[in-house]
PDB file of N, CA and C in Angstrom:
ATOM      1  N   MET A   1      53.527-143.205 -49.263  1.00  0.00           N
ATOM      2  CA  MET A   1      53.064-141.897 -48.834  1.00  0.00           C
ATOM      3  C   MET A   1      54.004-141.391 -47.743  1.00  0.00           C
ATOM      4  N   GLU A   2      54.471-140.179 -47.917  1.00  0.00           N
ATOM      5  CA  GLU A   2      55.405-139.594 -46.950  1.00  0.00           C
ATOM      6  C   GLU A   2      54.639-138.931 -45.808  1.00  0.00           C
ATOM      7  N   LEU A   3      55.174-139.102 -44.612  1.00  0.00           N
ATOM      8  CA  LEU A   3      54.552-138.531 -43.417  1.00  0.00           C
ATOM      9  C   LEU A   3      55.140-137.162 -43.102  1.00  0.00           C
ATOM     10  N   PRO A   4      54.334-136.292 -42.509  1.00  0.00           N
ATOM     11  CA  PRO A   4      54.886-135.026 -42.019  1.00  0.00           C
ATOM     12  C   PRO A   4      55.966-135.315 -40.971  1.00  0.00           C
ATOM     13  N   SER A   5      56.957-134.459 -40.894  1.00  0.00           N
ATOM     14  CA  SER A   5      58.103-134.705 -40.020  1.00  0.00           C
ATOM     15  C   SER A   5      57.713-134.812 -38.555  1.00  0.00           C
ATOM     16  N   ASP A   6      56.703-134.075 -38.114  1.00  0.00           N
ATOM     17  CA  ASP A   6      56.324-134.155 -36.705  1.00  0.00           C
ATOM     18  C   ASP A   6      55.712-135.516 -36.370  1.00  0.00           C
ATOM     19  N   ILE A   7      54.884-136.039 -37.266  1.00  0.00           N
ATOM     20  CA  ILE A   7      54.302-137.363 -37.039  1.00  0.00           C
ATOM     21  C   ILE A   7      55.377-138.432 -37.118  1.00  0.00           C
ATOM     22  N   TYR A   8      56.267-138.295 -38.102  1.00  0.00           N
ATOM     23  CA  TYR A   8      57.359-139.266 -38.232  1.00  0.00           C
ATOM     24  C   TYR A   8      58.198-139.301 -36.954  1.00  0.00           C
ATOM     25  N   GLY A   9      58.493-138.139 -36.395  1.00  0.00           N
ATOM     26  CA  GLY A   9      59.279-138.069 -35.163  1.00  0.00           C
ATOM     27  C   GLY A   9      58.577-138.759 -34.006  1.00  0.00           C
ATOM     28  N   GLN A  10      57.268-138.544 -33.889  1.00  0.00           N
ATOM     29  CA  GLN A  10      56.502-139.198 -32.826  1.00  0.00           C
ATOM     30  C   GLN A  10      56.480-140.711 -33.017  1.00  0.00           C
ATOM     31  N   LEU A  11      56.344-141.149 -34.260  1.00  0.00           N
ATOM     32  CA  LEU A  11      56.362-142.587 -34.547  1.00  0.00           C
ATOM     33  C   LEU A  11      57.693-143.213 -34.149  1.00  0.00           C
ATOM     34  N   GLU A  12      58.761-142.533 -34.488  1.00  0.00           N
ATOM     35  CA  GLU A  12      60.087-143.031 -34.134  1.00  0.00           C
ATOM     36  C   GLU A  12      60.251-143.135 -32.614  1.00  0.00           C
ATOM     37  N   GLU A  13      59.816-142.104 -31.906  1.00  0.00           N
ATOM     38  CA  GLU A  13      59.922-142.106 -30.438  1.00  0.00           C
ATOM     39  C   GLU A  13      59.133-143.257 -29.828  1.00  0.00           C
ATOM     40  N   LEU A  14      57.901-143.430 -30.280  1.00  0.00           N
ATOM     41  CA  LEU A  14      57.063-144.501 -29.732  1.00  0.00           C
ATOM     42  C   LEU A  14      57.595-145.877 -30.108  1.00  0.00           C
ATOM     43  N   SER A  15      58.064-146.026 -31.329  1.00  0.00           N
ATOM     44  CA  SER A  15      58.631-147.299 -31.767  1.00  0.00           C
ATOM     45  C   SER A  15      59.871-147.649 -30.950  1.00  0.00           C
ATOM     46  N   ASN A  16      60.741-146.677 -30.777  1.00  0.00           N
ATOM     47  CA  ASN A  16      61.955-146.911 -29.989  1.00  0.00           C
ATOM     48  C   ASN A  16      61.627-147.190 -28.524  1.00  0.00           C
ATOM     49  N   ALA A  17      60.629-146.492 -27.996  1.00  0.00           N
ATOM     50  CA  ALA A  17      60.215-146.741 -26.611  1.00  0.00           C
ATOM     51  C   ALA A  17      59.700-148.172 -26.473  1.00  0.00           C
ATOM     52  N   GLY A  18      58.922-148.628 -27.451  1.00  0.00           N
ATOM     53  CA  GLY A  18      58.444-150.005 -27.442  1.00  0.00           C
ATOM     54  C   GLY A  18      59.588-150.997 -27.489  1.00  0.00           C
ATOM     55  N   ASN A  19      60.568-150.728 -28.322  1.00  0.00           N
ATOM     56  CA  ASN A  19      61.735-151.615 -28.418  1.00  0.00           C
ATOM     57  C   ASN A  19      62.501-151.661 -27.097  1.00  0.00           C
ATOM     58  N   ASP A  20      62.650-150.511 -26.458  1.00  0.00           N
ATOM     59  CA  ASP A  20      63.341-150.464 -25.168  1.00  0.00           C
ATOM     60  C   ASP A  20      62.576-151.257 -24.112  1.00  0.00           C
ATOM     61  N   LEU A  21      61.253-151.170 -24.154  1.00  0.00           N
ATOM     62  CA  LEU A  21      60.443-151.919 -23.200  1.00  0.00           C
ATOM     63  C   LEU A  21      60.574-153.427 -23.418  1.00  0.00           C
ATOM     64  N   VAL A  22      60.691-153.847 -24.657  1.00  0.00           N
ATOM     65  CA  VAL A  22      60.913-155.271 -24.945  1.00  0.00           C
ATOM     66  C   VAL A  22      62.253-155.705 -24.363  1.00  0.00           C
ATOM     67  N   ASP A  23      63.262-154.861 -24.520  1.00  0.00           N
ATOM     68  CA  ASP A  23      64.577-155.183 -23.962  1.00  0.00           C
ATOM     69  C   ASP A  23      64.498-155.387 -22.452  1.00  0.00           C
ATOM     70  N   ASP A  24      63.571-154.663 -21.803  1.00  0.00           N
ATOM     71  CA  ASP A  24      63.376-154.784 -20.359  1.00  0.00           C
ATOM     72  C   ASP A  24      62.320-155.831 -20.002  1.00  0.00           C
ATOM     73  N   GLU A  25      61.856-156.571 -21.027  1.00  0.00           N
ATOM     74  CA  GLU A  25      60.851-157.634 -20.871  1.00  0.00           C
ATOM     75  C   GLU A  25      59.494-157.118 -20.399  1.00  0.00           C
ATOM     76  N   ASN A  26      59.175-155.867 -20.730  1.00  0.00           N
ATOM     77  CA  ASN A  26      57.867-155.270 -20.452  1.00  0.00           C
ATOM     78  C   ASN A  26      57.027-155.332 -21.729  1.00  0.00           C
ATOM     79  N   TYR A  27      56.619-156.536 -22.087  1.00  0.00           N
ATOM     80  CA  TYR A  27      55.982-156.771 -23.377  1.00  0.00           C
ATOM     81  C   TYR A  27      54.638-156.061 -23.524  1.00  0.00           C
ATOM     82  N   SER A  28      53.819-156.079 -22.505  1.00  0.00           N
ATOM     83  CA  SER A  28      52.508-155.433 -22.594  1.00  0.00           C
ATOM     84  C   SER A  28      52.647-153.925 -22.807  1.00  0.00           C
ATOM     85  N   LEU A  29      53.561-153.309 -22.092  1.00  0.00           N
ATOM     86  CA  LEU A  29      53.784-151.874 -22.274  1.00  0.00           C
ATOM     87  C   LEU A  29      54.348-151.573 -23.658  1.00  0.00           C
ATOM     88  N   ALA A  30      55.204-152.459 -24.158  1.00  0.00           N
ATOM     89  CA  ALA A  30      55.776-152.279 -25.496  1.00  0.00           C
ATOM     90  C   ALA A  30      54.677-152.300 -26.550  1.00  0.00           C
ATOM     91  N   ILE A  31      53.774-153.257 -26.438  1.00  0.00           N
ATOM     92  CA  ILE A  31      52.672-153.347 -27.397  1.00  0.00           C
ATOM     93  C   ILE A  31      51.831-152.081 -27.338  1.00  0.00           C
ATOM     94  N   GLY A  32      51.618-151.557 -26.151  1.00  0.00           N
ATOM     95  CA  GLY A  32      50.868-150.312 -26.006  1.00  0.00           C
ATOM     96  C   GLY A  32      51.520-149.160 -26.745  1.00  0.00           C
ATOM     97  N   LYS A  33      52.837-149.067 -26.681  1.00  0.00           N
ATOM     98  CA  LYS A  33      53.557-147.991 -27.388  1.00  0.00           C
ATOM     99  C   LYS A  33      53.403-148.151 -28.893  1.00  0.00           C
ATOM    100  N   TRP A  34      53.536-149.384 -29.386  1.00  0.00           N
ATOM    101  CA  TRP A  34      53.410-149.612 -30.826  1.00  0.00           C
ATOM    102  C   TRP A  34      51.986-149.361 -31.305  1.00  0.00           C
ATOM    103  N   MET A  35      51.000-149.746 -30.498  1.00  0.00           N
ATOM    104  CA  MET A  35      49.607-149.498 -30.875  1.00  0.00           C
ATOM    105  C   MET A  35      49.317-147.987 -30.881  1.00  0.00           C
ATOM    106  N   GLU A  36      49.885-147.283 -29.930  1.00  0.00           N
ATOM    107  CA  GLU A  36      49.734-145.824 -29.893  1.00  0.00           C
ATOM    108  C   GLU A  36      50.334-145.208 -31.159  1.00  0.00           C
ATOM    109  N   ALA A  37      51.475-145.722 -31.571  1.00  0.00           N
ATOM    110  CA  ALA A  37      52.112-145.222 -32.790  1.00  0.00           C
ATOM    111  C   ALA A  37      51.211-145.453 -34.007  1.00  0.00           C
ATOM    112  N   LEU A  38      50.563-146.600 -34.064  1.00  0.00           N
ATOM    113  CA  LEU A  38      49.677-146.888 -35.193  1.00  0.00           C
ATOM    114  C   LEU A  38      48.538-145.883 -35.302  1.00  0.00           C
ATOM    115  N   THR A  39      48.076-145.386 -34.167  1.00  0.00           N
ATOM    116  CA  THR A  39      46.963-144.428 -34.207  1.00  0.00           C
ATOM    117  C   THR A  39      47.376-143.093 -34.819  1.00  0.00           C
ATOM    118  N   LEU A  40      48.671-142.822 -34.881  1.00  0.00           N
ATOM    119  CA  LEU A  40      49.151-141.556 -35.447  1.00  0.00           C
ATOM    120  C   LEU A  40      49.163-141.554 -36.971  1.00  0.00           C
ATOM    121  N   LEU A  41      49.119-142.734 -37.574  1.00  0.00           N
ATOM    122  CA  LEU A  41      49.169-142.805 -39.029  1.00  0.00           C
ATOM    123  C   LEU A  41      47.862-142.308 -39.626  1.00  0.00           C
ATOM    124  N   PRO A  42      47.947-141.369 -40.564  1.00  0.00           N
ATOM    125  CA  PRO A  42      46.725-140.899 -41.221  1.00  0.00           C
ATOM    126  C   PRO A  42      46.187-141.965 -42.183  1.00  0.00           C
ATOM    127  N   GLU A  43      44.917-141.841 -42.514  1.00  0.00           N
ATOM    128  CA  GLU A  43      44.288-142.744 -43.480  1.00  0.00           C
ATOM    129  C   GLU A  43      44.772-142.405 -44.884  1.00  0.00           C
ATOM    130  N   PRO A  44      44.875-143.340 -45.768  1.00  0.00           N
ATOM    131  CA  PRO A  44      44.728-144.768 -45.529  1.00  0.00           C
ATOM    132  C   PRO A  44      45.998-145.331 -44.888  1.00  0.00           C
ATOM    133  N   LYS A  45      45.841-145.992 -43.777  1.00  0.00           N
ATOM    134  CA  LYS A  45      46.982-146.512 -43.023  1.00  0.00           C
ATOM    135  C   LYS A  45      47.806-147.489 -43.854  1.00  0.00           C
ATOM    136  N   SER A  46      47.160-148.201 -44.750  1.00  0.00           N
ATOM    137  CA  SER A  46      47.868-149.196 -45.564  1.00  0.00           C
ATOM    138  C   SER A  46      48.870-148.574 -46.524  1.00  0.00           C
ATOM    139  N   ALA A  47      48.807-147.260 -46.712  1.00  0.00           N
ATOM    140  CA  ALA A  47      49.719-146.583 -47.634  1.00  0.00           C
ATOM    141  C   ALA A  47      51.074-146.278 -47.001  1.00  0.00           C
ATOM    142  N   HIS A  48      51.230-146.555 -45.722  1.00  0.00           N
ATOM    143  CA  HIS A  48      52.448-146.184 -45.022  1.00  0.00           C
ATOM    144  C   HIS A  48      53.333-147.407 -44.777  1.00  0.00           C
ATOM    145  N   VAL A  49      54.580-147.286 -45.181  1.00  0.00           N
ATOM    146  CA  VAL A  49      55.534-148.382 -45.053  1.00  0.00           C
ATOM    147  C   VAL A  49      55.733-148.783 -43.592  1.00  0.00           C
ATOM    148  N   GLY A  50      55.813-147.820 -42.686  1.00  0.00           N
ATOM    149  CA  GLY A  50      56.054-148.112 -41.280  1.00  0.00           C
ATOM    150  C   GLY A  50      54.924-148.863 -40.608  1.00  0.00           C
ATOM    151  N   ARG A  51      53.743-148.833 -41.189  1.00  0.00           N
ATOM    152  CA  ARG A  51      52.591-149.519 -40.621  1.00  0.00           C
ATOM    153  C   ARG A  51      52.849-151.014 -40.453  1.00  0.00           C
ATOM    154  N   THR A  52      53.431-151.630 -41.464  1.00  0.00           N
ATOM    155  CA  THR A  52      53.691-153.069 -41.404  1.00  0.00           C
ATOM    156  C   THR A  52      54.650-153.401 -40.281  1.00  0.00           C
ATOM    157  N   ARG A  53      55.676-152.605 -40.116  1.00  0.00           N
ATOM    158  CA  ARG A  53      56.653-152.853 -39.059  1.00  0.00           C
ATOM    159  C   ARG A  53      55.995-152.745 -37.690  1.00  0.00           C
ATOM    160  N   LEU A  54      55.166-151.731 -37.501  1.00  0.00           N
ATOM    161  CA  LEU A  54      54.496-151.549 -36.217  1.00  0.00           C
ATOM    162  C   LEU A  54      53.477-152.650 -35.951  1.00  0.00           C
ATOM    163  N   GLN A  55      52.735-153.035 -36.978  1.00  0.00           N
ATOM    164  CA  GLN A  55      51.741-154.079 -36.781  1.00  0.00           C
ATOM    165  C   GLN A  55      52.401-155.415 -36.485  1.00  0.00           C
ATOM    166  N   CYS A  56      53.510-155.701 -37.123  1.00  0.00           N
ATOM    167  CA  CYS A  56      54.228-156.951 -36.846  1.00  0.00           C
ATOM    168  C   CYS A  56      54.773-156.953 -35.417  1.00  0.00           C
ATOM    169  N   ALA A  57      55.239-155.803 -34.971  1.00  0.00           N
ATOM    170  CA  ALA A  57      55.792-155.713 -33.612  1.00  0.00           C
ATOM    171  C   ALA A  57      54.693-155.883 -32.571  1.00  0.00           C
ATOM    172  N   ALA A  58      53.548-155.266 -32.824  1.00  0.00           N
ATOM    173  CA  ALA A  58      52.451-155.327 -31.856  1.00  0.00           C
ATOM    174  C   ALA A  58      51.799-156.682 -31.947  1.00  0.00           C
TER     175      ALA A  58
END
């Protein structure tokens, strides 16, 4: 299922922010960013490819 471009952009920003926080060893904050990104996915969440990547990261 394809995401609207605005949601996709927000997901990318939050995912990248989480990755940057991991690089700085701020693991709890990184997980928060990835969890926030997961909340942006519309139902059914399982239909989105990026969901697995975010869930594995968090």
